[in-house]
Protein backbone atom coordinates (compact mmCIF):
# COMPACT_ATOMS: atom_id res chain seq x y z
CA MET A 1 0.00 0.00 0.00
CA ALA A 2 1.48 3.34 -1.07
CA THR A 3 2.30 5.89 1.61
CA ALA A 4 0.81 9.36 1.16
CA PRO A 5 3.38 12.14 0.90
CA ALA A 6 3.85 14.28 3.98
CA SER A 7 1.90 17.53 3.82
CA SER A 8 3.39 20.89 4.65
CA MET A 9 -0.03 22.18 5.77
CA PRO A 10 -0.55 22.69 9.53
CA PRO A 11 -2.61 19.97 11.22
CA VAL A 12 -6.36 20.55 11.35
CA PRO A 13 -7.62 20.88 14.94
CA SER A 14 -9.40 17.76 16.07
CA THR A 15 -13.12 17.87 16.76
CA ALA A 16 -12.47 16.47 20.22
CA GLU A 17 -10.46 19.61 20.95
CA TYR A 18 -12.62 22.22 19.27
CA GLY A 19 -16.06 20.67 19.03
CA GLY A 20 -17.99 19.77 15.92
CA ASP A 21 -20.42 17.25 14.51
CA GLU A 22 -19.01 14.29 16.42
CA VAL A 23 -19.28 16.04 19.80
CA SER A 24 -22.29 18.36 20.08
CA ALA A 25 -21.47 21.78 21.46
CA LEU A 26 -23.77 23.35 24.05
CA VAL A 27 -25.17 26.87 23.76
CA LEU A 28 -26.00 28.84 26.94
CA ASP A 29 -27.95 32.12 26.77
CA PRO A 30 -28.39 33.62 30.27
CA GLY A 31 -31.06 36.29 30.77
CA TYR A 32 -32.71 38.15 33.63
CA SER A 33 -36.03 36.30 33.40
CA THR A 34 -35.03 32.91 31.94
CA THR A 35 -31.86 31.00 31.14
CA ARG A 36 -31.82 29.13 27.83
CA ALA A 37 -29.60 26.14 27.06
CA GLY A 38 -29.48 23.47 24.37
CA PHE A 39 -27.38 21.64 21.83
CA ALA A 40 -25.90 23.46 18.85
CA GLY A 41 -27.65 22.72 15.57
CA GLU A 42 -31.11 22.42 17.12
CA ASP A 43 -33.93 24.86 16.35
CA VAL A 44 -34.85 25.87 19.90
CA PRO A 45 -33.29 25.45 23.36
CA LYS A 46 -34.48 22.29 25.12
CA SER A 47 -33.80 23.81 28.52
CA VAL A 48 -35.60 27.04 29.45
CA VAL A 49 -35.56 27.60 33.22
CA PRO A 50 -36.40 30.67 35.33
CA THR A 51 -33.37 32.70 36.35
CA TYR A 52 -35.16 33.35 39.64
CA TYR A 53 -34.37 30.91 42.45
CA GLY A 54 -35.80 30.23 45.88
CA LYS A 55 -34.20 29.90 49.29
CA HIS A 56 -35.53 29.21 52.76
CA GLY A 57 -34.48 31.67 55.45
CA SER A 58 -32.83 35.07 55.32
CA GLU A 59 -30.53 36.28 52.56
CA SER A 60 -27.43 35.60 54.63
CA SER A 61 -28.37 32.02 55.50
CA LYS A 62 -26.53 29.25 53.65
CA THR A 63 -29.39 26.90 52.89
CA LYS A 64 -30.31 24.78 49.90
CA LEU A 65 -31.17 26.68 46.72
CA PHE A 66 -34.21 25.77 44.63
CA PHE A 67 -34.14 26.07 40.83
CA GLY A 68 -36.76 25.44 38.16
CA ASP A 69 -40.49 26.01 37.72
CA ASN A 70 -41.41 23.01 39.85
CA SER A 71 -39.49 24.32 42.86
CA ILE A 72 -39.96 28.08 43.09
CA HIS A 73 -43.75 28.32 43.06
CA ASN A 74 -44.53 26.47 46.31
CA PRO A 75 -45.62 28.96 49.02
CA ALA A 76 -43.92 28.83 52.40
CA GLY A 77 -43.51 31.37 55.18
CA ASP A 78 -39.75 31.67 54.90
CA PHE A 79 -39.31 31.01 51.14
CA TYR A 80 -37.62 34.01 49.54
CA ILE A 81 -37.14 34.62 45.81
CA HIS A 82 -33.88 36.04 44.46
CA ASN A 83 -32.14 36.61 41.12
CA PRO A 84 -28.38 36.25 40.52
CA MET A 85 -28.49 38.71 37.59
CA SER A 86 -28.55 42.49 37.79
CA SER A 87 -31.21 44.47 35.95
CA ASP A 88 -28.79 45.09 33.04
CA SER A 89 -28.36 41.32 32.47
CA THR A 90 -24.87 41.02 33.97
CA VAL A 91 -24.07 38.56 36.76
CA GLU A 92 -24.18 39.83 40.34
CA ASP A 93 -23.91 36.57 42.29
CA TRP A 94 -21.45 34.23 40.55
CA ASP A 95 -21.81 31.36 43.01
CA VAL A 96 -25.55 31.12 42.38
CA ALA A 97 -25.26 31.84 38.64
CA LYS A 98 -22.84 28.93 38.26
CA GLN A 99 -25.24 26.56 40.08
CA LEU A 100 -28.20 27.81 38.05
CA TRP A 101 -26.42 27.39 34.70
CA GLU A 102 -25.23 23.94 35.70
CA TYR A 103 -28.79 23.01 36.69
CA SER A 104 -30.13 24.22 33.33
CA ILE A 105 -27.58 22.03 31.51
CA VAL A 106 -27.53 18.92 33.69
CA SER A 107 -31.25 18.67 34.52
CA ARG A 108 -32.49 18.98 30.92
CA LEU A 109 -29.60 18.14 28.60
CA THR A 110 -26.65 16.05 29.73
CA GLY A 111 -27.86 14.36 32.91
CA GLN A 112 -25.60 13.70 35.85
CA ARG A 113 -22.13 12.51 34.91
CA PRO A 114 -21.23 9.11 36.41
CA GLY A 115 -19.16 9.20 39.54
CA ASP A 116 -15.82 7.51 40.04
CA PRO A 117 -16.57 3.74 40.06
CA SER A 118 -13.98 3.27 42.79
CA LYS A 119 -16.14 5.48 45.02
CA ASN A 120 -19.58 3.98 44.44
CA GLY A 121 -19.51 1.66 47.42
CA LEU A 122 -19.46 -1.52 45.33
CA ASN A 123 -15.70 -1.88 45.08
CA ASP A 124 -13.05 -2.56 47.64
CA ALA A 125 -11.42 0.53 49.04
CA GLN A 126 -8.22 1.47 47.26
CA GLU A 127 -5.03 1.70 49.20
CA GLY A 128 -3.34 5.07 49.21
CA ASP A 129 -4.66 8.43 48.13
CA VAL A 130 -6.69 9.03 44.99
CA LYS A 131 -5.83 12.15 43.02
CA MET A 132 -8.65 14.68 43.34
CA GLU A 133 -8.35 15.78 39.71
CA ASP A 134 -8.94 12.18 38.60
CA ALA A 135 -12.01 11.85 40.81
CA GLU A 136 -13.40 15.21 39.73
CA GLU A 137 -13.05 14.34 36.05
CA PHE A 138 -15.95 11.91 36.41
CA GLU A 139 -18.23 14.63 37.76
CA ARG A 140 -17.54 17.49 35.34
CA PRO A 141 -20.78 18.10 33.41
CA LEU A 142 -19.22 19.39 30.17
CA ALA A 143 -16.24 17.07 29.84
CA GLU A 144 -17.40 16.08 26.35
CA SER A 145 -19.14 19.27 25.15
CA PRO A 146 -17.66 22.60 24.03
CA LEU A 147 -19.64 25.57 25.36
CA LEU A 148 -20.73 28.73 23.54
CA MET A 149 -22.20 31.49 25.73
CA THR A 150 -23.92 34.77 24.87
CA GLU A 151 -23.24 38.05 26.67
CA PRO A 152 -24.55 41.64 26.54
CA ALA A 153 -22.40 44.17 24.66
CA TRP A 154 -21.50 45.92 27.94
CA ASN A 155 -20.42 42.79 29.82
CA PRO A 156 -17.36 43.64 31.99
CA ALA A 157 -14.00 42.04 31.15
CA LYS A 158 -13.90 40.34 34.56
CA SER A 159 -17.23 38.64 33.86
CA ARG A 160 -15.94 37.20 30.58
CA GLU A 161 -12.88 35.84 32.37
CA LYS A 162 -15.03 34.35 35.13
CA ALA A 163 -17.25 32.63 32.54
CA ILE A 164 -14.36 30.88 30.80
CA GLU A 165 -12.87 29.87 34.16
CA ILE A 166 -16.16 28.21 35.18
CA ALA A 167 -16.47 26.45 31.81
CA MET A 168 -12.89 25.18 31.71
CA GLU A 169 -11.94 24.62 35.35
CA ASP A 170 -15.22 23.71 37.01
CA TRP A 171 -17.13 22.07 34.17
CA GLY A 172 -14.20 20.61 32.22
CA ALA A 173 -15.36 21.94 28.83
CA PRO A 174 -12.89 21.04 26.05
CA ALA A 175 -13.51 24.38 24.29
CA PHE A 176 -15.23 27.71 24.91
CA PHE A 177 -16.44 30.79 23.06
CA VAL A 178 -18.49 33.84 24.03
CA VAL A 179 -20.48 35.94 21.54
CA LYS A 180 -22.37 39.23 21.88
CA ASP A 181 -26.12 38.58 22.01
CA GLY A 182 -26.71 41.31 19.42
CA VAL A 183 -24.43 39.55 16.95
CA SER A 184 -26.05 36.15 17.52
CA ALA A 185 -29.55 37.67 17.19
CA ALA A 186 -28.55 39.22 13.85
CA PHE A 187 -27.00 35.91 12.83
CA SER A 188 -30.27 34.08 13.60
CA ALA A 189 -31.92 36.31 10.99
CA GLY A 190 -29.12 35.64 8.50
CA LYS A 191 -27.86 39.23 8.64
CA PRO A 192 -24.18 40.05 9.27
CA THR A 193 -25.11 43.76 9.32
CA ALA A 194 -28.24 44.78 11.21
CA LEU A 195 -29.80 47.08 13.76
CA VAL A 196 -30.94 44.74 16.55
CA ILE A 197 -33.79 45.96 18.78
CA ASP A 198 -34.07 43.57 21.74
CA ILE A 199 -36.84 44.06 24.31
CA GLY A 200 -36.41 41.59 27.14
CA ALA A 201 -37.72 41.45 30.70
CA ALA A 202 -35.35 43.89 32.39
CA THR A 203 -33.54 45.66 29.54
CA THR A 204 -34.28 47.22 26.18
CA LYS A 205 -31.20 47.40 23.99
CA VAL A 206 -30.50 48.70 20.52
CA THR A 207 -27.33 47.26 19.00
CA PRO A 208 -25.80 48.25 15.65
CA VAL A 209 -23.93 45.27 14.13
CA VAL A 210 -21.66 45.69 11.09
CA ASP A 211 -20.13 42.60 9.45
CA GLY A 212 -20.62 40.58 12.64
CA ILE A 213 -18.98 43.21 14.88
CA VAL A 214 -20.85 45.28 17.48
CA LEU A 215 -20.28 49.03 17.19
CA LYS A 216 -19.90 49.63 20.93
CA LYS A 217 -20.18 53.42 20.67
CA GLY A 218 -23.64 52.97 19.17
CA VAL A 219 -25.01 50.49 21.74
CA GLN A 220 -28.00 51.88 23.65
CA LYS A 221 -29.64 50.31 26.70
CA SER A 222 -32.53 51.19 28.96
CA PRO A 223 -33.99 49.57 32.11
CA PHE A 224 -37.49 50.09 30.70
CA ALA A 225 -38.65 46.82 29.13
CA GLY A 226 -41.08 44.00 29.96
CA ASN A 227 -40.88 44.48 33.73
CA PHE A 228 -41.61 48.18 33.23
CA VAL A 229 -44.77 47.28 31.30
CA SER A 230 -45.77 45.03 34.22
CA GLN A 231 -45.24 47.93 36.63
CA GLN A 232 -47.31 50.18 34.36
CA ILE A 233 -50.15 47.65 34.56
CA ARG A 234 -49.85 47.68 38.37
CA ASN A 235 -50.10 51.47 38.28
CA ILE A 236 -53.18 51.32 36.03
CA PHE A 237 -54.81 48.79 38.38
CA SER A 238 -54.03 50.78 41.54
CA THR A 239 -55.17 54.15 40.14
CA SER A 240 -58.41 52.81 38.62
CA GLN A 241 -61.72 53.62 40.29
CA PRO A 242 -62.47 51.20 41.81
CA THR A 243 -59.01 49.64 42.03
CA VAL A 244 -58.41 46.39 40.20
CA PRO A 245 -57.56 43.54 42.64
CA LEU A 246 -54.35 41.65 41.83
CA VAL A 247 -54.56 38.28 43.59
CA PRO A 248 -52.06 35.53 42.65
CA HIS A 249 -53.13 31.95 42.00
CA TYR A 250 -51.60 30.46 45.16
CA MET A 251 -53.94 32.50 47.40
CA VAL A 252 -57.19 31.20 45.86
CA GLN A 253 -58.79 28.04 47.20
CA ALA A 254 -62.09 28.19 45.28
CA LYS A 255 -63.99 30.71 43.19
CA VAL A 256 -67.48 31.22 41.72
CA PRO A 257 -68.46 33.13 38.56
CA VAL A 258 -69.38 36.81 39.00
CA ASP A 259 -70.53 39.53 36.62
CA ALA A 260 -67.98 41.89 35.08
CA GLY A 261 -66.77 44.54 37.51
CA GLN A 262 -68.42 42.90 40.55
CA PRO A 263 -66.38 41.91 43.64
CA SER A 264 -65.10 38.34 43.57
CA GLN A 265 -66.77 35.64 45.64
CA ALA A 266 -63.67 33.51 46.08
CA THR A 267 -62.55 31.49 49.07
CA TYR A 268 -58.96 32.34 49.96
CA LYS A 269 -56.32 30.11 51.49
CA SER A 270 -55.01 30.93 54.93
CA PHE A 271 -51.34 30.60 55.86
CA ALA A 272 -50.00 30.30 59.39
CA SER A 273 -46.98 32.20 58.13
CA PRO A 274 -47.69 34.11 54.87
CA PRO A 275 -45.04 33.84 52.12
CA PRO A 276 -42.71 36.86 51.96
CA GLU A 277 -43.20 39.81 49.62
CA SER A 278 -40.60 38.56 47.10
CA PHE A 279 -42.59 35.33 46.60
CA ARG A 280 -45.90 37.15 46.21
CA ARG A 281 -44.40 39.59 43.71
CA LEU A 282 -43.15 36.74 41.52
CA GLN A 283 -46.60 35.14 41.56
CA GLU A 284 -48.26 38.46 40.76
CA ASP A 285 -45.89 38.86 37.82
CA ARG A 286 -47.16 35.55 36.43
CA VAL A 287 -50.72 36.95 36.44
CA LEU A 288 -49.48 40.16 34.82
CA LEU A 289 -47.74 38.09 32.13
CA GLU A 290 -51.09 36.48 31.29
CA PHE A 291 -52.63 39.95 31.16
CA LYS A 292 -49.90 41.23 28.83
CA GLU A 293 -50.29 38.27 26.51
CA SER A 294 -54.08 38.42 26.26
CA VAL A 295 -55.12 42.05 26.82
CA VAL A 296 -52.31 44.60 26.38
CA GLN A 297 -51.98 46.15 22.94
CA VAL A 298 -49.48 48.63 21.52
CA TRP A 299 -50.93 51.79 20.00
CA PRO A 300 -50.16 51.61 16.25
CA GLY A 301 -48.68 55.10 16.08
CA GLY A 302 -49.11 57.68 13.38
CA SER A 303 -50.62 60.02 15.99
CA ARG A 304 -50.17 60.64 19.70
CA PHE A 305 -52.18 58.26 21.90
CA ASN A 306 -55.23 59.95 23.39
CA GLU A 307 -57.41 57.82 25.62
CA ASP A 308 -60.56 59.92 25.17
CA GLN A 309 -60.29 59.85 21.38
CA VAL A 310 -59.74 56.10 21.42
CA ARG A 311 -62.79 55.63 23.65
CA GLN A 312 -64.93 57.74 21.30
CA SER A 313 -63.71 55.79 18.29
CA GLY A 314 -65.44 52.70 19.68
CA VAL A 315 -62.42 50.39 19.98
CA SER A 316 -63.63 47.00 21.18
CA GLY A 317 -62.56 45.85 24.61
CA ARG A 318 -60.87 42.66 25.72
CA PRO A 319 -62.03 40.62 28.73
CA PHE A 320 -59.75 39.30 31.45
CA GLU A 321 -60.47 37.23 34.56
CA MET A 322 -58.28 37.31 37.65
CA PRO A 323 -57.45 34.06 39.49
CA ASP A 324 -60.08 34.86 42.14
CA GLY A 325 -62.86 35.26 39.55
CA TRP A 326 -62.97 39.09 39.36
CA ASN A 327 -63.31 40.05 35.70
CA GLN A 328 -63.61 43.11 33.52
CA VAL A 329 -63.58 44.20 29.88
CA PHE A 330 -60.58 46.47 29.31
CA GLY A 331 -60.98 49.16 26.67
CA PRO A 332 -58.60 52.02 25.76
CA GLU A 333 -56.63 51.60 29.00
CA ARG A 334 -55.02 48.47 27.58
CA PHE A 335 -52.98 50.72 25.25
CA LYS A 336 -51.57 52.81 28.11
CA ALA A 337 -49.28 50.15 29.58
CA THR A 338 -46.74 50.29 26.73
CA GLU A 339 -46.89 53.98 25.77
CA GLY A 340 -44.11 54.89 28.21
CA LEU A 341 -41.68 52.83 26.11
CA PHE A 342 -42.23 55.19 23.18
CA ASP A 343 -43.18 58.50 24.83
CA ALA A 344 -41.82 59.30 28.29
CA LYS A 345 -44.63 61.76 28.99
CA GLN A 346 -47.21 58.99 28.55
CA ALA A 347 -45.84 56.82 31.38
CA VAL A 348 -48.53 56.04 33.97
CA LEU A 349 -47.61 57.21 37.46
CA GLY A 350 -48.54 55.11 40.47
CA PRO A 351 -50.57 56.22 43.49
CA GLU A 352 -49.37 59.31 45.29
CA GLY A 353 -46.33 58.54 47.39
CA SER A 354 -45.15 55.57 45.28
CA SER A 355 -41.56 55.62 44.03
CA ASP A 356 -41.85 55.11 40.29
CA ASN A 357 -39.00 55.22 37.84
CA ARG A 358 -40.08 57.22 34.83
CA PRO A 359 -38.22 57.01 31.52
CA LYS A 360 -36.12 59.97 30.46
CA PRO A 361 -36.71 61.23 26.91
CA ASP A 362 -33.47 59.59 25.70
CA GLN A 363 -34.53 56.21 27.18
CA THR A 364 -37.52 55.74 24.89
CA ILE A 365 -37.19 53.26 22.03
CA PRO A 366 -37.35 55.90 19.23
CA ALA A 367 -34.64 57.99 20.95
CA MET A 368 -32.39 54.94 21.41
CA ILE A 369 -32.79 53.98 17.74
CA GLN A 370 -31.91 57.53 16.72
CA ASN A 371 -28.85 57.65 19.01
CA ALA A 372 -27.63 54.22 17.87
CA LEU A 373 -27.83 55.19 14.19
CA ALA A 374 -26.15 58.53 14.87
CA ALA A 375 -23.00 56.57 15.78
CA VAL A 376 -23.09 54.60 12.52
CA ASP A 377 -21.20 55.57 9.39
CA VAL A 378 -23.40 57.50 6.97
CA ASP A 379 -22.87 54.93 4.20
CA SER A 380 -23.90 52.05 6.50
CA LYS A 381 -27.09 53.68 7.82
CA PRO A 382 -29.38 52.85 4.83
CA HIS A 383 -28.14 49.25 4.83
CA MET A 384 -28.83 49.01 8.57
CA LEU A 385 -32.33 50.47 8.23
CA ASN A 386 -32.98 47.83 5.59
CA ASN A 387 -32.02 45.14 8.13
CA VAL A 388 -33.77 45.91 11.41
CA VAL A 389 -34.05 42.80 13.60
CA VAL A 390 -36.70 42.86 16.35
CA THR A 391 -36.32 40.26 19.10
CA GLY A 392 -37.04 39.60 22.78
CA SER A 393 -40.09 38.21 24.58
CA SER A 394 -41.60 41.65 25.18
CA SER A 395 -41.55 42.37 21.43
CA LEU A 396 -44.36 39.79 21.15
CA LEU A 397 -46.86 42.26 22.61
CA TYR A 398 -49.72 42.68 20.15
CA GLY A 399 -48.98 45.47 17.66
CA PHE A 400 -45.39 46.05 18.82
CA THR A 401 -43.66 45.56 15.44
CA ASP A 402 -46.24 47.76 13.70
CA ARG A 403 -45.42 50.55 16.16
CA ILE A 404 -41.66 50.10 15.66
CA ASN A 405 -42.19 50.31 11.91
CA ALA A 406 -44.29 53.48 12.28
CA GLU A 407 -41.66 55.09 14.52
CA LEU A 408 -38.86 54.24 12.07
CA GLN A 409 -40.84 55.61 9.13
CA ALA A 410 -41.43 58.84 11.05
CA LEU A 411 -37.76 59.18 12.01
CA PHE A 412 -36.30 58.16 8.64
CA PRO A 413 -38.87 58.83 5.89
CA SER A 414 -36.47 58.61 2.94
CA PRO A 415 -34.41 55.37 3.34
CA ARG A 416 -36.11 52.07 2.86
CA VAL A 417 -37.00 50.51 6.24
CA ARG A 418 -37.43 46.75 6.47
CA LEU A 419 -38.12 44.83 9.69
CA SER A 420 -37.16 41.24 10.37
CA ALA A 421 -39.52 40.07 13.12
CA PRO A 422 -40.44 36.38 12.80
CA SER A 423 -44.07 35.58 13.57
CA ASN A 424 -42.88 32.32 15.13
CA THR A 425 -42.91 32.92 18.89
CA ALA A 426 -39.88 30.72 19.60
CA GLU A 427 -37.75 32.42 16.95
CA ARG A 428 -38.53 35.84 18.41
CA LYS A 429 -38.02 34.81 22.05
CA PHE A 430 -34.86 32.78 21.53
CA ALA A 431 -33.12 34.66 18.68
CA PRO A 432 -29.74 35.09 20.47
CA TRP A 433 -29.74 31.40 21.43
CA ILE A 434 -30.71 30.32 17.90
CA GLY A 435 -27.93 32.45 16.41
CA GLY A 436 -25.44 30.84 18.80
CA SER A 437 -26.79 27.40 17.86
CA ILE A 438 -26.21 28.10 14.16
CA LEU A 439 -22.77 29.56 14.83
CA ALA A 440 -21.51 26.70 17.02
CA SER A 441 -22.67 24.07 14.52
CA LEU A 442 -20.80 25.54 11.55
CA GLY A 443 -17.83 23.50 10.35
CA SER A 444 -15.88 26.72 9.72
CA PHE A 445 -16.34 27.71 13.37
CA HIS A 446 -13.91 25.02 14.60
CA GLN A 447 -10.96 27.39 14.40
CA MET A 448 -12.73 30.00 16.55
CA TRP A 449 -13.02 27.92 19.74
CA VAL A 450 -10.68 28.61 22.66
CA SER A 451 -9.35 25.16 23.45
CA LYS A 452 -8.49 23.78 26.88
CA SER A 453 -4.78 23.70 26.00
CA GLU A 454 -4.86 27.37 24.93
CA PHE A 455 -6.61 28.28 28.17
CA ALA A 456 -4.00 26.35 30.17
CA GLU A 457 -1.20 28.17 28.32
CA HIS A 458 -2.55 31.75 28.27
CA GLY A 459 -5.06 31.86 31.12
CA SER A 460 -8.44 33.59 31.10
CA ASP A 461 -7.08 36.67 29.29
CA ILE A 462 -7.23 34.77 26.02
CA VAL A 463 -11.01 35.25 25.93
CA HIS A 464 -10.49 38.94 25.08
CA LYS A 465 -8.15 38.17 22.18
CA ARG A 466 -10.21 35.38 20.62
CA CYS A 467 -13.76 36.54 21.37
CA LYS A 468 -14.09 40.08 20.07
């Protein structure tokens, strides 16, 4: 058999080292409301878990942490709800974030790694010491899977370094990469250059992306997003006459039908020790989410929202029933909850004495779009306006994309404006994850991974050189 001539080309990195088809990479997309995880190449993340977690006792107590939908919705007198992320989607509590991410991967995707067979109680005890690194190797959840993570454009350098350290040292990942969520969202829409408008739970961000690179000087962010809309609904409820009762599901034992606007006739549960405020707030937010999905509508634009004019125009109302049976048909007021995102003066203030954050004029979505495009090269602006990507769970509010389109047409009447906003709910909610899934499954992406050997040689600083 003839021997092939030696090649002068450098060796191709092995898939075991960099990931690829033989070993499925994992994609992790942490957010303030939910954490998404799944295998690269799949259409949607298989693991979507709440970022909120529960804990018995005070904040300082070191007790067991509870993760997942099945664990954090059980009322108890000392069960507090927390979140390891800050409101701008960066990590505040790394110890908890690491446990949460590992839960999202292990519980839904990889399963528990087998322990060291010499330690399972079925074998004779070994003489002498066992090396800890050998024992730990059995328990590392990502020993066979490269990991791609998303991050916000403003993620601090220390957070990037901490992420690669967790992936490589604690989870044993053979390779790692981190990508800006704006880039991966644009990539999910097949656009290397785009203006990405992402409305999540805690943050609204507008990110200009040119040829797969984020223009950091043009990145705009605001703390007024989905949670702000929820707070606006609370304000509408509390300032209505009479006030609208907001009772979470866990407090209702039984209910009977009542006419619209009439007091509920429910039987309520009694607790020897009522759950703390943080637990009740999370449960109220679940009711408000149902209200947002079924009742709230975004004013289409074209003219300033005027509640009296809308009422006179005869806009049909939408009914909603609270968990305790109270129900009402909501008319023009259902448009008010989102107006503060577009016009700061239209934000609904709470009852007198409440401490409400009100958007500043430059924190509205139209102002952020304008400021982001002002930082873009003049030649790139028309191309960017032709590739506007709308993503994020809160962008699914009824009429939201129509309003964005109207605002863009008003701001930029001459260039051609084209929105990319998939009607598929999963594609809109999980766009950054889907973009990461596509990216990590590409054969040409092998050379981009930071391998374990490179991490061992250069340390965590290499993440800044390889992941721009």
